[in-house]
Amino acid sequence: MKSSKIAAVCLCAAAALTACSGTDDTTTADGKTVVKVSIEPGLDQGAVAAFNARVTQFETANPKIDLVPQEFKWDATTFTAQLAGGTLPDVITMPFTDGRGLIERRQIADISDLVASLPYAKKFNPEVAKAGSADDGKMWAVPIAAHGQALHYNRTLFKQAGLDPDKPPSTWDEIRTDAKQIAQKTGQAGYAQLTTDNTGGWILATLDYAFGGRTEQLTGDKATATLNTPQMARALQTVHTMRWDDNSMGANFLYDWNGINQDFAAGRIGMYVSGGGNYGSLKAQNAIKADDYGVTALPLDGPGAGVLGGGTLAAVNAKAKDPVKAAAVKWIDFYYLQKQADQAAAVADAKTTADSGEAVGSPELPVFDKATYDQRMGWIAQYVNVPVKQMTPYTDKMFGQPLVPEPTRSTQQVYGLLDPVAQKVLTDRGADIPALLADAQTQAQALLDKP
């Protein structure tokens, strides 16, 4: 991260960039509105260059606004302290699961009137829009990306194991068989699973949904935990069998997001479950080889089975003043939304991203309606640089699979209490799955019962 824009965040001594001292300092010496905008840490130079190019384009079009990029990664456990301490950027991003809670606690700014004035405000996918909307339907946080879970696989390891990478597994039995063959033939983990930083619960919920389960039941304002179910038990038994009977899951059972992506890109993992649009991140942060990559639809098995859906919201710091809020929504519109709904913006973004060597055309669920999504893909076709054919096992099915929203109450906390459950099953052959789920059920209900 060597660009002058990124570096400016750390150089608060520069008088012109008074925004470094907090959201109360909102103008430069020459009267520009200063907006601190988040950029994910750990991106490669191509991704940083693409981001900075878009910043320059925005500032050229909006000469009265000065953007100051600031590295920011969402962490629910530190967010409140960051908000109180004034260390958050003005534009922040977070997962769908946290949107409603932030709105209820008024920890983000009410930008609903500004969002309602956007030309495509009525085109948002209604199921996606719920994640950032208050009870009255007004949008406080803007959905900027959506995904359904998918099975990512390493085509090279498939070939080395004697498997056909153009015919990935379509059932859980096939996943188990293929994972075992990969492990035996290549010595690498045939299948791996996230287990830390709340991701263990996230993926267990994904498997639970895929077998027809749910992690909570809502009746009016009452939320009931539903972790101790045959479907969740089946999810845990599936990975227990792969780990202990098949020995197909390698030796790392404490994977976090960065670690599993790194090992997958390096060819040490045959298959794992994550969001369907993860290729862009794998390329930007892990330099995955395009020839290695494959993605397919997550197998669904059982009545009520569905794909856990999620995504990313963009919001504005609750402490931001009105001029900053207005400028921040302009940036959210420019950087995140216009490229999905406006032809000129879509082409400009795709060209800038492609010129920087970053991924264009990774599969994603539409933030807007499917017609808008299909139209955008036509606009940017000449700049698509991802292995589209290798993604068709997923893209051919992603709109046809039932998409089920993530649980909405105490989501990350419930995911967190499931992390040690996943870890126990993978590190203790004698793990008592019914007892683990009974305990998790009690803990989850206590969380859901909190006012």
Protein backbone atom coordinates (compact mmCIF):
# COMPACT_ATOMS: atom_id res chain seq x y z
CA MET A 1 0.00 0.00 0.00
CA LYS A 2 2.40 2.65 -1.22
CA SER A 3 0.05 5.12 -2.89
CA SER A 4 0.01 8.68 -1.60
CA LYS A 5 -3.72 8.42 -0.97
CA ILE A 6 -3.39 5.37 1.26
CA ALA A 7 -0.34 6.77 3.00
CA ALA A 8 -2.17 10.00 3.76
CA VAL A 9 -4.13 8.25 6.49
CA CYS A 10 -0.96 7.82 8.49
CA LEU A 11 0.39 11.30 7.91
CA CYS A 12 -1.90 13.32 10.13
CA ALA A 13 0.70 16.03 10.42
CA ALA A 14 -0.21 17.21 6.95
CA ALA A 15 -2.33 20.25 7.70
CA ALA A 16 -4.55 19.90 4.67
CA LEU A 17 -5.73 16.47 5.79
CA THR A 18 -7.35 17.50 9.05
CA ALA A 19 -9.82 14.61 8.74
CA CYS A 20 -7.14 12.38 10.26
CA SER A 21 -8.04 13.71 13.68
CA GLY A 22 -11.64 12.50 13.58
CA THR A 23 -15.06 13.06 12.07
CA ASP A 24 -15.41 16.52 13.65
CA ASP A 25 -12.75 17.83 11.26
CA THR A 26 -14.65 17.69 8.01
CA THR A 27 -13.09 20.30 5.74
CA THR A 28 -9.69 21.09 4.31
CA ALA A 29 -8.08 24.51 4.34
CA ASP A 30 -9.52 25.23 0.90
CA GLY A 31 -13.07 24.30 1.90
CA LYS A 32 -13.33 20.76 0.57
CA THR A 33 -15.45 18.21 2.42
CA VAL A 34 -13.19 15.43 3.67
CA VAL A 35 -14.51 11.88 3.65
CA LYS A 36 -12.54 8.95 5.03
CA VAL A 37 -13.40 5.90 2.93
CA SER A 38 -12.58 2.32 3.88
CA ILE A 39 -10.31 0.02 1.92
CA GLU A 40 -9.70 -3.56 2.95
CA PRO A 41 -6.21 -4.22 4.33
CA GLY A 42 -3.93 -6.78 2.71
CA LEU A 43 -4.82 -6.11 -0.93
CA ASP A 44 -2.15 -6.57 -3.58
CA GLN A 45 -0.74 -3.62 -5.49
CA GLY A 46 -3.08 -4.14 -8.44
CA ALA A 47 -6.15 -3.91 -6.23
CA VAL A 48 -4.79 -0.82 -4.48
CA ALA A 49 -4.04 0.79 -7.84
CA ALA A 50 -7.57 0.09 -9.05
CA PHE A 51 -9.03 1.60 -5.88
CA ASN A 52 -6.87 4.69 -6.11
CA ALA A 53 -7.78 5.17 -9.76
CA ARG A 54 -11.45 5.21 -8.80
CA VAL A 55 -10.70 7.71 -6.01
CA THR A 56 -9.03 10.00 -8.53
CA GLN A 57 -11.95 9.66 -10.94
CA PHE A 58 -14.40 10.52 -8.17
CA GLU A 59 -12.45 13.56 -7.00
CA THR A 60 -12.20 14.80 -10.58
CA ALA A 61 -15.98 14.57 -10.92
CA ASN A 62 -16.53 16.04 -7.43
CA PRO A 63 -13.84 18.71 -6.93
CA LYS A 64 -15.33 19.87 -3.62
CA ILE A 65 -14.81 16.46 -2.00
CA ASP A 66 -11.46 15.12 -0.77
CA LEU A 67 -11.36 11.36 -0.19
CA VAL A 68 -8.93 9.93 2.34
CA PRO A 69 -8.65 6.13 2.10
CA GLN A 70 -8.31 4.33 5.41
CA GLU A 71 -7.65 0.64 5.92
CA PHE A 72 -10.62 -0.94 7.69
CA LYS A 73 -11.79 -4.48 8.24
CA TRP A 74 -15.04 -5.17 10.04
CA ASP A 75 -14.74 -6.65 13.51
CA ALA A 76 -17.95 -6.74 15.54
CA THR A 77 -16.02 -7.15 18.80
CA THR A 78 -14.13 -3.85 18.41
CA PHE A 79 -16.62 -1.76 16.46
CA THR A 80 -18.27 -0.05 19.44
CA ALA A 81 -14.91 0.98 20.89
CA GLN A 82 -13.77 2.27 17.49
CA LEU A 83 -16.97 4.28 17.14
CA ALA A 84 -16.61 5.78 20.60
CA GLY A 85 -12.93 6.51 20.02
CA GLY A 86 -13.47 8.23 16.69
CA THR A 87 -11.14 5.90 14.80
CA LEU A 88 -13.65 4.62 12.21
CA PRO A 89 -13.68 5.87 8.62
CA ASP A 90 -16.76 7.77 7.47
CA VAL A 91 -17.72 5.04 5.01
CA ILE A 92 -17.64 1.59 6.57
CA THR A 93 -18.51 -1.86 5.29
CA MET A 94 -19.87 -4.82 7.23
CA PRO A 95 -21.56 -8.19 6.63
CA PHE A 96 -25.32 -8.45 6.15
CA THR A 97 -25.64 -10.12 9.53
CA ASP A 98 -24.75 -6.96 11.44
CA GLY A 99 -26.85 -4.41 9.59
CA ARG A 100 -30.11 -4.66 11.52
CA GLY A 101 -28.39 -4.58 14.91
CA LEU A 102 -26.40 -1.47 14.02
CA ILE A 103 -29.58 0.24 12.85
CA GLU A 104 -31.50 -0.68 16.00
CA ARG A 105 -28.67 0.66 18.18
CA ARG A 106 -28.26 3.73 15.93
CA GLN A 107 -24.56 2.99 15.56
CA ILE A 108 -24.63 4.05 11.91
CA ALA A 109 -26.04 7.20 10.35
CA ASP A 110 -29.57 7.41 8.96
CA ILE A 111 -28.91 7.98 5.25
CA SER A 112 -32.29 6.68 4.11
CA ASP A 113 -33.42 9.96 2.50
CA LEU A 114 -30.16 10.21 0.54
CA VAL A 115 -30.43 6.60 -0.62
CA ALA A 116 -34.09 7.03 -1.60
CA SER A 117 -33.08 9.81 -3.98
CA LEU A 118 -30.78 7.55 -6.01
CA PRO A 119 -32.14 6.85 -9.50
CA TYR A 120 -32.23 3.07 -8.97
CA ALA A 121 -33.46 3.06 -5.37
CA LYS A 122 -36.53 1.03 -6.35
CA LYS A 123 -34.50 -1.60 -8.23
CA PHE A 124 -32.86 -3.21 -5.19
CA ASN A 125 -33.47 -6.92 -4.82
CA PRO A 126 -36.05 -6.84 -1.97
CA GLU A 127 -34.58 -9.85 -0.16
CA VAL A 128 -31.13 -8.26 -0.29
CA ALA A 129 -32.40 -4.82 0.75
CA LYS A 130 -33.80 -6.15 4.03
CA ALA A 131 -30.31 -6.57 5.46
CA GLY A 132 -29.74 -2.81 5.51
CA SER A 133 -33.26 -1.60 6.22
CA ALA A 134 -34.98 -0.53 9.42
CA ASP A 135 -38.33 -1.96 10.48
CA ASP A 136 -40.11 0.79 8.55
CA GLY A 137 -38.35 -0.25 5.33
CA LYS A 138 -36.04 2.76 5.13
CA MET A 139 -32.51 1.88 4.06
CA TRP A 140 -29.78 2.93 6.48
CA ALA A 141 -27.08 0.65 5.05
CA VAL A 142 -26.68 -0.02 1.34
CA PRO A 143 -26.22 -3.57 0.04
CA ILE A 144 -23.19 -3.47 -2.25
CA ALA A 145 -22.51 -7.18 -2.79
CA ALA A 146 -24.45 -10.37 -2.27
CA HIS A 147 -23.56 -14.02 -2.47
CA GLY A 148 -24.79 -17.53 -1.99
CA GLN A 149 -22.46 -20.13 -0.57
CA ALA A 150 -20.63 -22.41 -2.99
CA LEU A 151 -18.09 -25.23 -3.11
CA HIS A 152 -14.70 -24.05 -4.36
CA TYR A 153 -12.31 -26.67 -5.70
CA ASN A 154 -8.78 -26.92 -7.03
CA ARG A 155 -8.87 -28.23 -10.59
CA THR A 156 -5.18 -29.13 -10.55
CA LEU A 157 -5.56 -31.33 -7.48
CA PHE A 158 -8.60 -32.94 -9.09
CA LYS A 159 -6.51 -33.85 -12.13
CA GLN A 160 -3.64 -35.13 -10.00
CA ALA A 161 -6.10 -37.33 -8.11
CA GLY A 162 -7.53 -38.77 -11.32
CA LEU A 163 -10.80 -36.84 -11.05
CA ASP A 164 -12.51 -34.89 -13.83
CA PRO A 165 -12.41 -31.16 -12.91
CA ASP A 166 -15.25 -30.50 -15.34
CA LYS A 167 -17.46 -32.84 -13.32
CA PRO A 168 -17.22 -31.62 -9.72
CA PRO A 169 -19.20 -33.36 -6.98
CA SER A 170 -22.93 -32.71 -6.92
CA THR A 171 -23.82 -34.60 -3.72
CA TRP A 172 -22.28 -34.78 -0.26
CA ASP A 173 -21.45 -38.43 -0.80
CA GLU A 174 -19.47 -37.41 -3.88
CA ILE A 175 -17.71 -34.66 -1.92
CA ARG A 176 -16.64 -37.26 0.62
CA THR A 177 -15.47 -39.73 -2.05
CA ASP A 178 -13.56 -37.08 -4.01
CA ALA A 179 -11.97 -35.61 -0.87
CA LYS A 180 -10.72 -39.05 0.15
CA GLN A 181 -9.26 -39.70 -3.30
CA ILE A 182 -7.52 -36.30 -3.38
CA ALA A 183 -5.99 -36.91 0.04
CA GLN A 184 -4.80 -40.39 -0.88
CA LYS A 185 -3.44 -39.50 -4.33
CA THR A 186 -1.89 -36.08 -3.65
CA GLY A 187 -1.16 -35.95 0.07
CA GLN A 188 -3.09 -32.67 0.37
CA ALA A 189 -6.30 -32.01 2.27
CA GLY A 190 -9.19 -33.19 0.13
CA TYR A 191 -11.61 -30.94 1.98
CA ALA A 192 -11.05 -28.26 4.63
CA GLN A 193 -13.33 -26.16 6.77
CA LEU A 194 -13.22 -22.79 8.51
CA THR A 195 -13.38 -23.03 12.31
CA THR A 196 -12.24 -19.73 13.92
CA ASP A 197 -13.23 -16.06 14.24
CA ASN A 198 -16.95 -16.92 13.95
CA THR A 199 -16.37 -18.57 10.57
CA GLY A 200 -16.72 -22.04 12.08
CA GLY A 201 -20.32 -21.26 12.98
CA TRP A 202 -20.88 -19.59 9.63
CA ILE A 203 -19.89 -22.72 7.72
CA LEU A 204 -21.72 -25.05 10.10
CA ALA A 205 -24.84 -22.95 9.50
CA THR A 206 -24.19 -23.28 5.76
CA LEU A 207 -24.09 -27.08 6.00
CA ASP A 208 -27.11 -27.06 8.30
CA TYR A 209 -29.09 -25.08 5.70
CA ALA A 210 -27.87 -27.40 2.94
CA PHE A 211 -29.37 -30.34 4.85
CA GLY A 212 -32.66 -28.53 5.44
CA GLY A 213 -32.01 -27.09 8.89
CA ARG A 214 -32.10 -23.56 10.30
CA THR A 215 -30.29 -22.09 13.28
CA GLU A 216 -33.20 -20.03 14.60
CA GLN A 217 -36.98 -19.77 14.37
CA LEU A 218 -38.75 -16.42 14.58
CA THR A 219 -42.27 -16.06 15.91
CA GLY A 220 -43.13 -12.38 16.04
CA ASP A 221 -40.43 -10.80 18.19
CA LYS A 222 -39.48 -14.12 19.77
CA ALA A 223 -36.38 -15.91 18.48
CA THR A 224 -35.86 -19.58 19.33
CA ALA A 225 -32.50 -21.27 18.81
CA THR A 226 -32.68 -24.42 16.69
CA LEU A 227 -29.14 -25.75 16.83
CA ASN A 228 -29.83 -29.12 18.43
CA THR A 229 -31.47 -30.70 15.41
CA PRO A 230 -30.93 -33.77 13.22
CA GLN A 231 -29.77 -31.51 10.38
CA MET A 232 -27.04 -29.82 12.43
CA ALA A 233 -26.04 -33.19 13.85
CA ARG A 234 -25.73 -34.50 10.30
CA ALA A 235 -23.52 -31.55 9.36
CA LEU A 236 -21.17 -32.30 12.24
CA GLN A 237 -21.23 -36.04 11.64
CA THR A 238 -20.35 -35.47 7.98
CA VAL A 239 -17.14 -33.59 8.77
CA HIS A 240 -16.37 -35.95 11.68
CA THR A 241 -16.52 -38.91 9.30
CA MET A 242 -14.36 -37.18 6.70
CA ARG A 243 -11.82 -36.23 9.35
CA TRP A 244 -11.58 -39.47 11.33
CA ASP A 245 -12.75 -42.29 9.05
CA ASP A 246 -11.50 -40.95 5.71
CA ASN A 247 -8.51 -38.89 6.93
CA SER A 248 -9.28 -36.48 4.08
CA MET A 249 -9.18 -33.11 5.87
CA GLY A 250 -5.46 -32.57 6.33
CA ALA A 251 -3.90 -31.43 9.59
CA ASN A 252 -5.06 -27.81 10.07
CA PHE A 253 -8.31 -27.58 12.03
CA LEU A 254 -7.99 -23.95 13.10
CA TYR A 255 -8.50 -22.21 9.79
CA ASP A 256 -9.49 -18.57 9.66
CA TRP A 257 -10.53 -16.70 6.51
CA ASN A 258 -7.04 -15.64 5.47
CA GLY A 259 -5.47 -19.00 6.25
CA ILE A 260 -7.91 -21.15 4.31
CA ASN A 261 -7.81 -18.87 1.27
CA GLN A 262 -4.01 -18.86 1.33
CA ASP A 263 -3.75 -22.65 1.53
CA PHE A 264 -6.42 -23.15 -1.13
CA ALA A 265 -4.65 -20.78 -3.53
CA ALA A 266 -1.34 -22.53 -2.81
CA GLY A 267 -2.76 -25.92 -3.79
CA ARG A 268 -2.91 -27.40 -0.31
CA ILE A 269 -6.71 -27.81 -0.21
CA GLY A 270 -8.88 -29.65 -2.70
CA MET A 271 -12.29 -28.25 -1.69
CA TYR A 272 -13.82 -25.82 0.79
CA VAL A 273 -17.07 -23.91 1.28
CA SER A 274 -17.30 -20.12 1.10
CA GLY A 275 -19.17 -17.36 -0.74
CA GLY A 276 -19.67 -17.98 -4.44
CA GLY A 277 -17.98 -14.75 -5.52
CA ASN A 278 -14.72 -15.41 -3.70
CA TYR A 279 -12.51 -15.63 -6.79
CA GLY A 280 -11.83 -11.88 -6.81
CA SER A 281 -10.53 -12.00 -3.25
CA LEU A 282 -8.45 -15.11 -3.98
CA LYS A 283 -6.84 -13.30 -6.90
CA ALA A 284 -6.32 -9.95 -5.16
CA GLN A 285 -5.03 -11.29 -1.86
CA ASN A 286 -3.69 -14.76 -2.63
CA ALA A 287 -2.58 -14.62 -6.29
CA ILE A 288 -4.45 -17.79 -7.19
CA LYS A 289 -3.66 -19.26 -10.60
CA ALA A 290 -6.69 -19.10 -12.86
CA ASP A 291 -6.04 -22.62 -14.20
CA ASP A 292 -6.30 -24.03 -10.66
CA TYR A 293 -9.70 -22.58 -9.88
CA GLY A 294 -13.13 -24.16 -10.04
CA VAL A 295 -16.41 -23.46 -8.27
CA THR A 296 -19.64 -25.42 -8.19
CA ALA A 297 -23.07 -25.20 -6.61
CA LEU A 298 -23.33 -26.37 -3.03
CA PRO A 299 -25.16 -29.72 -2.90
CA LEU A 300 -28.59 -29.51 -1.25
CA ASP A 301 -30.11 -32.57 0.39
CA GLY A 302 -33.31 -32.77 2.39
CA PRO A 303 -36.70 -31.06 2.74
CA GLY A 304 -36.28 -27.31 3.08
CA ALA A 305 -32.64 -27.40 1.99
CA GLY A 306 -31.33 -24.07 0.81
CA VAL A 307 -28.21 -21.99 0.21
CA LEU A 308 -27.18 -19.65 2.99
CA GLY A 309 -27.04 -16.16 1.52
CA GLY A 310 -25.10 -13.17 2.70
CA GLY A 311 -23.28 -10.11 1.50
CA THR A 312 -21.75 -6.76 2.32
CA LEU A 313 -23.33 -3.48 3.36
CA ALA A 314 -21.87 0.02 3.09
CA ALA A 315 -22.88 2.51 5.76
CA VAL A 316 -21.88 5.89 7.14
CA ASN A 317 -20.30 6.63 10.51
CA ALA A 318 -22.96 7.63 13.04
CA LYS A 319 -20.86 10.65 14.02
CA ALA A 320 -20.64 12.05 10.50
CA LYS A 321 -22.03 15.54 9.95
CA ASP A 322 -24.57 16.24 7.21
CA PRO A 323 -22.07 17.41 4.54
CA VAL A 324 -19.97 14.31 5.15
CA LYS A 325 -23.02 12.04 5.01
CA ALA A 326 -24.05 13.52 1.67
CA ALA A 327 -20.55 13.18 0.25
CA ALA A 328 -20.22 9.66 1.66
CA VAL A 329 -23.40 8.51 -0.08
CA LYS A 330 -22.08 10.02 -3.31
CA TRP A 331 -18.98 7.82 -2.93
CA ILE A 332 -21.04 4.73 -2.10
CA ASP A 333 -23.11 5.40 -5.20
CA PHE A 334 -20.05 6.06 -7.37
CA TYR A 335 -17.81 3.23 -6.20
CA TYR A 336 -20.24 0.46 -5.33
CA LEU A 337 -23.60 1.03 -7.05
CA GLN A 338 -23.21 2.85 -10.35
CA LYS A 339 -21.03 0.09 -11.76
CA GLN A 340 -23.95 -2.29 -11.25
CA ALA A 341 -26.72 -0.17 -12.74
CA ASP A 342 -25.26 2.43 -15.12
CA GLN A 343 -23.60 1.49 -18.41
CA ALA A 344 -20.93 4.18 -18.49
CA ALA A 345 -19.99 3.57 -14.87
CA ALA A 346 -20.00 -0.21 -15.33
CA VAL A 347 -17.67 0.01 -18.32
CA ALA A 348 -15.37 2.54 -16.62
CA ASP A 349 -15.08 0.42 -13.50
CA ALA A 350 -14.52 -2.81 -15.45
CA LYS A 351 -11.84 -1.19 -17.61
CA THR A 352 -10.06 0.35 -14.62
CA THR A 353 -10.16 -2.93 -12.72
CA ALA A 354 -9.00 -4.99 -15.70
CA ASP A 355 -6.19 -2.52 -16.46
CA SER A 356 -4.97 -3.03 -12.89
CA GLY A 357 -4.87 -6.78 -13.40
CA GLU A 358 -7.71 -7.50 -10.99
CA ALA A 359 -10.69 -9.81 -11.49
CA VAL A 360 -13.68 -8.67 -13.56
CA GLY A 361 -16.75 -10.89 -13.85
CA SER A 362 -16.58 -13.08 -10.74
CA PRO A 363 -19.98 -14.69 -10.12
CA GLU A 364 -22.22 -12.81 -7.73
CA LEU A 365 -25.86 -12.57 -6.84
CA PRO A 366 -27.50 -9.32 -7.94
CA VAL A 367 -27.87 -6.44 -5.52
CA PHE A 368 -30.47 -5.18 -7.97
CA ASP A 369 -32.94 -7.26 -9.96
CA LYS A 370 -31.69 -10.03 -12.27
CA ALA A 371 -32.50 -8.00 -15.39
CA THR A 372 -30.15 -5.25 -14.21
CA TYR A 373 -27.47 -7.84 -13.44
CA ASP A 374 -27.74 -9.48 -16.86
CA GLN A 375 -27.62 -6.09 -18.55
CA ARG A 376 -24.45 -5.16 -16.67
CA MET A 377 -22.73 -8.42 -17.62
CA GLY A 378 -23.43 -7.59 -21.26
CA TRP A 379 -21.98 -4.10 -20.88
CA ILE A 380 -18.68 -5.34 -19.41
CA ALA A 381 -18.26 -8.52 -21.46
CA GLN A 382 -15.09 -7.32 -23.22
CA TYR A 383 -13.32 -6.76 -19.89
CA VAL A 384 -14.23 -10.04 -18.18
CA ASN A 385 -10.93 -11.72 -17.30
CA VAL A 386 -11.92 -14.56 -14.99
CA PRO A 387 -12.11 -18.22 -16.03
CA VAL A 388 -15.83 -18.05 -16.79
CA LYS A 389 -16.09 -21.57 -18.20
CA GLN A 390 -14.60 -23.02 -15.01
CA MET A 391 -17.31 -21.23 -13.01
CA THR A 392 -20.31 -22.56 -14.94
CA PRO A 393 -20.97 -25.47 -12.52
CA TYR A 394 -21.91 -22.66 -10.11
CA THR A 395 -23.26 -19.91 -12.36
CA ASP A 396 -25.57 -22.29 -14.24
CA LYS A 397 -27.35 -23.06 -10.97
CA MET A 398 -26.90 -20.04 -8.69
CA PHE A 399 -30.17 -18.35 -9.60
CA GLY A 400 -32.16 -21.57 -9.40
CA GLN A 401 -31.13 -22.62 -5.92
CA PRO A 402 -33.33 -21.48 -3.01
CA LEU A 403 -31.48 -18.68 -1.21
CA VAL A 404 -32.11 -18.49 2.54
CA PRO A 405 -31.00 -15.40 4.52
CA GLU A 406 -28.59 -15.77 7.39
CA PRO A 407 -30.09 -15.78 10.89
CA THR A 408 -30.87 -12.25 12.02
CA ARG A 409 -30.58 -12.35 15.84
CA SER A 410 -27.20 -12.36 17.62
CA THR A 411 -25.81 -13.83 14.43
CA GLN A 412 -22.09 -13.41 14.93
CA GLN A 413 -22.31 -14.33 18.61
CA VAL A 414 -24.11 -17.59 17.77
CA TYR A 415 -21.58 -18.30 15.03
CA GLY A 416 -18.85 -17.68 17.60
CA LEU A 417 -20.19 -20.19 20.10
CA LEU A 418 -20.29 -22.80 17.32
CA ASP A 419 -16.58 -22.33 16.53
CA PRO A 420 -15.42 -24.57 19.42
CA VAL A 421 -18.06 -27.14 18.46
CA ALA A 422 -16.54 -27.44 15.00
CA GLN A 423 -13.04 -27.53 16.45
CA LYS A 424 -13.95 -30.24 18.98
CA VAL A 425 -15.43 -32.51 16.32
CA LEU A 426 -12.30 -32.15 14.18
CA THR A 427 -9.76 -32.61 16.98
CA ASP A 428 -11.44 -35.21 19.22
CA ARG A 429 -12.46 -38.50 17.68
CA GLY A 430 -14.72 -39.19 20.64
CA ALA A 431 -16.52 -35.85 20.50
CA ASP A 432 -20.08 -36.20 21.81
CA ILE A 433 -22.07 -34.44 19.11
CA PRO A 434 -25.47 -34.58 20.89
CA ALA A 435 -23.94 -33.14 24.07
CA LEU A 436 -22.11 -30.42 22.15
CA LEU A 437 -25.29 -29.38 20.39
CA ALA A 438 -27.36 -29.43 23.56
CA ASP A 439 -24.87 -27.09 25.21
CA ALA A 440 -24.71 -24.84 22.15
CA GLN A 441 -28.50 -24.71 22.08
CA THR A 442 -28.62 -23.49 25.69
CA GLN A 443 -25.96 -20.85 25.10
CA ALA A 444 -27.60 -19.64 21.89
CA GLN A 445 -31.00 -19.31 23.53
CA ALA A 446 -29.48 -17.24 26.33
CA LEU A 447 -28.09 -14.88 23.69
CA LEU A 448 -31.41 -14.66 21.88
CA ASP A 449 -33.29 -13.97 25.11
CA LYS A 450 -31.17 -10.92 25.96
CA PRO A 451 -33.18 -7.67 25.59
